[in-house]
Structures are given as C-alpha cells and as structure tokens.
Amino acid sequence: MGNKAQFVGGEAAFREFVYDKFIYPKRCLESGISGSVIIRFVVEKDGRLSNLTVVEQSAKCPEFAAEALRVVRSSLKWIPGKANGEYVRSYRELPIRMAVN
C-alpha cells in the first residue's frame, strides 16, 4: 500500500498557503461572486508539480481558475507519493473554494 503525495505540512498547511497567496479577482470581488475550482495535477517523483489543469470552475468568475492555477504553481515542492517503498508520480485533485466576505 502506498502514500498519496502531499503538500509539506499536510492539507491544512496547503489551505493556509492558498488563502495566504490567493488574490481575489477584482471583478468577482466587486460583484460579490464567490468562486470555486477543482485543480488536477501530477506530483512528480521529485516533488515538482506538472500537468496542472482545471477540472471544474465557477462559470460566473472564470478569473478565479486562473488565479488558483497561479497559486498552486507557486507552491514549493510537494512530498511525492510512495508505492512499495518507491517514490512514484501521482495525480492529485484539489478543490479550492473562496467566498466573498
């Protein structure tokens, strides 16, 4: 059995990283539009991210997806997944949701 790839510090640290780095798209903020996106990517054996794609996004605020991709791309290396004691490439799919306060 293997371990899935993870952000250094775990899921809570990843959420904190995203909330800290995310710049809410101005048009969506001014219009009071909350946004969500699901990003899929590969964590390579060395912890780099590749193949970042948007799986789902908010139709009312497409700028939200571009900002989420920018933030995830800016994250440092991840801890790669392991299978049978070896580091492996692995897919991750993460939802990012932000609400206008």
C-alpha atoms as a PDB file:
ATOM      1  CA  MET A   1       0.000   0.000   0.000  1.00  0.00           C
ATOM      2  CA  GLY A   2       1.264   3.488  -0.781  1.00  0.00           C
ATOM      3  CA  ASN A   3       1.002   7.010   0.492  1.00  0.00           C
ATOM      4  CA  LYS A   4      -0.513   9.795  -1.585  1.00  0.00           C
ATOM      5  CA  ALA A   5       1.517  12.856  -2.489  1.00  0.00           C
ATOM      6  CA  GLN A   6       1.030  15.748  -0.108  1.00  0.00           C
ATOM      7  CA  PHE A   7       1.910  19.360   0.459  1.00  0.00           C
ATOM      8  CA  VAL A   8       4.688  19.817   3.014  1.00  0.00           C
ATOM      9  CA  GLY A   9       2.790  20.238   6.284  1.00  0.00           C
ATOM     10  CA  GLY A  10      -0.338  18.445   5.036  1.00  0.00           C
ATOM     11  CA  GLU A  11      -3.767  19.549   3.835  1.00  0.00           C
ATOM     12  CA  ALA A  12      -4.241  22.240   6.494  1.00  0.00           C
ATOM     13  CA  ALA A  13      -0.912  23.836   5.550  1.00  0.00           C
ATOM     14  CA  PHE A  14      -1.924  23.759   1.873  1.00  0.00           C
ATOM     15  CA  ARG A  15      -5.234  25.509   2.617  1.00  0.00           C
ATOM     16  CA  GLU A  16      -3.372  28.144   4.644  1.00  0.00           C
ATOM     17  CA  PHE A  17      -0.866  28.595   1.784  1.00  0.00           C
ATOM     18  CA  VAL A  18      -3.682  29.074  -0.756  1.00  0.00           C
ATOM     19  CA  TYR A  19      -5.629  31.538   1.410  1.00  0.00           C
ATOM     20  CA  ASP A  20      -2.427  33.477   2.085  1.00  0.00           C
ATOM     21  CA  LYS A  21      -1.347  33.745  -1.581  1.00  0.00           C
ATOM     22  CA  PHE A  22      -4.712  33.965  -3.366  1.00  0.00           C
ATOM     23  CA  ILE A  23      -5.569  37.379  -4.807  1.00  0.00           C
ATOM     24  CA  TYR A  24      -9.320  37.510  -5.284  1.00  0.00           C
ATOM     25  CA  PRO A  25     -10.181  38.595  -8.846  1.00  0.00           C
ATOM     26  CA  LYS A  26     -11.267  42.238  -8.624  1.00  0.00           C
ATOM     27  CA  ARG A  27     -14.357  41.928 -10.817  1.00  0.00           C
ATOM     28  CA  CYS A  28     -15.644  38.944  -8.849  1.00  0.00           C
ATOM     29  CA  LEU A  29     -14.912  40.587  -5.519  1.00  0.00           C
ATOM     30  CA  GLU A  30     -16.702  43.798  -6.504  1.00  0.00           C
ATOM     31  CA  SER A  31     -19.670  41.795  -7.805  1.00  0.00           C
ATOM     32  CA  GLY A  32     -19.831  39.647  -4.648  1.00  0.00           C
ATOM     33  CA  ILE A  33     -19.214  36.416  -6.565  1.00  0.00           C
ATOM     34  CA  SER A  34     -17.841  33.521  -4.538  1.00  0.00           C
ATOM     35  CA  GLY A  35     -15.721  31.103  -6.505  1.00  0.00           C
ATOM     36  CA  SER A  36     -14.643  27.516  -6.617  1.00  0.00           C
ATOM     37  CA  VAL A  37     -12.394  25.447  -8.797  1.00  0.00           C
ATOM     38  CA  ILE A  38     -11.062  21.911  -8.833  1.00  0.00           C
ATOM     39  CA  ILE A  39      -7.468  21.600  -9.969  1.00  0.00           C
ATOM     40  CA  ARG A  40      -5.875  18.331 -11.084  1.00  0.00           C
ATOM     41  CA  PHE A  41      -2.126  17.901 -11.338  1.00  0.00           C
ATOM     42  CA  VAL A  42       0.688  15.381 -11.171  1.00  0.00           C
ATOM     43  CA  VAL A  43       3.200  15.343  -8.338  1.00  0.00           C
ATOM     44  CA  GLU A  44       6.391  14.057  -9.923  1.00  0.00           C
ATOM     45  CA  LYS A  45       8.824  11.690  -8.188  1.00  0.00           C
ATOM     46  CA  ASP A  46      10.979  14.686  -7.202  1.00  0.00           C
ATOM     47  CA  GLY A  47       8.011  16.648  -5.781  1.00  0.00           C
ATOM     48  CA  ARG A  48       7.608  19.084  -8.682  1.00  0.00           C
ATOM     49  CA  LEU A  49       4.101  19.727  -9.994  1.00  0.00           C
ATOM     50  CA  SER A  50       3.198  19.157 -13.639  1.00  0.00           C
ATOM     51  CA  ASN A  51       0.139  18.890 -15.884  1.00  0.00           C
ATOM     52  CA  LEU A  52      -1.942  21.390 -13.911  1.00  0.00           C
ATOM     53  CA  THR A  53      -5.454  21.546 -15.305  1.00  0.00           C
ATOM     54  CA  VAL A  54      -8.812  22.910 -14.249  1.00  0.00           C
ATOM     55  CA  VAL A  55     -11.396  20.143 -13.879  1.00  0.00           C
ATOM     56  CA  GLU A  56     -14.334  22.338 -12.756  1.00  0.00           C
ATOM     57  CA  GLN A  57     -14.705  26.058 -12.325  1.00  0.00           C
ATOM     58  CA  SER A  58     -17.206  28.758 -11.434  1.00  0.00           C
ATOM     59  CA  ALA A  59     -18.953  29.920 -14.597  1.00  0.00           C
ATOM     60  CA  LYS A  60     -19.640  33.362 -13.127  1.00  0.00           C
ATOM     61  CA  CYS A  61     -15.964  34.021 -12.345  1.00  0.00           C
ATOM     62  CA  PRO A  62     -13.565  32.300 -14.779  1.00  0.00           C
ATOM     63  CA  GLU A  63     -10.737  34.528 -13.490  1.00  0.00           C
ATOM     64  CA  PHE A  64     -10.918  32.507 -10.290  1.00  0.00           C
ATOM     65  CA  ALA A  65      -9.491  29.417 -12.052  1.00  0.00           C
ATOM     66  CA  ALA A  66      -6.511  31.322 -13.469  1.00  0.00           C
ATOM     67  CA  GLU A  67      -5.659  32.691 -10.029  1.00  0.00           C
ATOM     68  CA  ALA A  68      -5.996  29.260  -8.404  1.00  0.00           C
ATOM     69  CA  LEU A  69      -3.629  27.790 -11.014  1.00  0.00           C
ATOM     70  CA  ARG A  70      -1.131  30.599 -10.375  1.00  0.00           C
ATOM     71  CA  VAL A  71      -1.178  29.947  -6.644  1.00  0.00           C
ATOM     72  CA  VAL A  72      -0.828  26.160  -6.912  1.00  0.00           C
ATOM     73  CA  ARG A  73       2.020  26.544  -9.451  1.00  0.00           C
ATOM     74  CA  SER A  74       3.822  28.820  -6.987  1.00  0.00           C
ATOM     75  CA  SER A  75       3.826  26.204  -4.219  1.00  0.00           C
ATOM     76  CA  LEU A  76       7.134  24.675  -3.276  1.00  0.00           C
ATOM     77  CA  LYS A  77       7.904  21.049  -3.990  1.00  0.00           C
ATOM     78  CA  TRP A  78       5.486  18.528  -2.569  1.00  0.00           C
ATOM     79  CA  ILE A  79       6.252  15.240  -0.846  1.00  0.00           C
ATOM     80  CA  PRO A  80       5.827  12.680  -3.631  1.00  0.00           C
ATOM     81  CA  GLY A  81       3.599   9.649  -3.290  1.00  0.00           C
ATOM     82  CA  LYS A  82       5.078   6.283  -2.435  1.00  0.00           C
ATOM     83  CA  ALA A  83       4.209   2.793  -3.561  1.00  0.00           C
ATOM     84  CA  ASN A  84       6.136  -0.272  -2.405  1.00  0.00           C
ATOM     85  CA  GLY A  85       8.730   1.993  -0.762  1.00  0.00           C
ATOM     86  CA  GLU A  86       9.471   3.881  -4.004  1.00  0.00           C
ATOM     87  CA  TYR A  87       8.561   7.434  -4.929  1.00  0.00           C
ATOM     88  CA  VAL A  88       6.007   7.491  -7.750  1.00  0.00           C
ATOM     89  CA  ARG A  89       4.279  10.041  -9.950  1.00  0.00           C
ATOM     90  CA  SER A  90       0.780  10.557  -8.681  1.00  0.00           C
ATOM     91  CA  TYR A  91      -2.308  12.569  -9.534  1.00  0.00           C
ATOM     92  CA  ARG A  92      -3.888  14.903  -7.031  1.00  0.00           C
ATOM     93  CA  GLU A  93      -7.204  16.653  -7.395  1.00  0.00           C
ATOM     94  CA  LEU A  94      -7.903  19.528  -5.039  1.00  0.00           C
ATOM     95  CA  PRO A  95     -10.918  21.777  -4.610  1.00  0.00           C
ATOM     96  CA  ILE A  96     -10.305  25.442  -3.858  1.00  0.00           C
ATOM     97  CA  ARG A  97     -13.256  27.487  -2.649  1.00  0.00           C
ATOM     98  CA  MET A  98     -13.279  31.125  -1.677  1.00  0.00           C
ATOM     99  CA  ALA A  99     -16.177  33.234  -0.510  1.00  0.00           C
ATOM    100  CA  VAL A 100     -16.635  36.973  -0.600  1.00  0.00           C
ATOM    101  CA  ASN A 101     -16.944  38.200   2.970  1.00  0.00           C
END
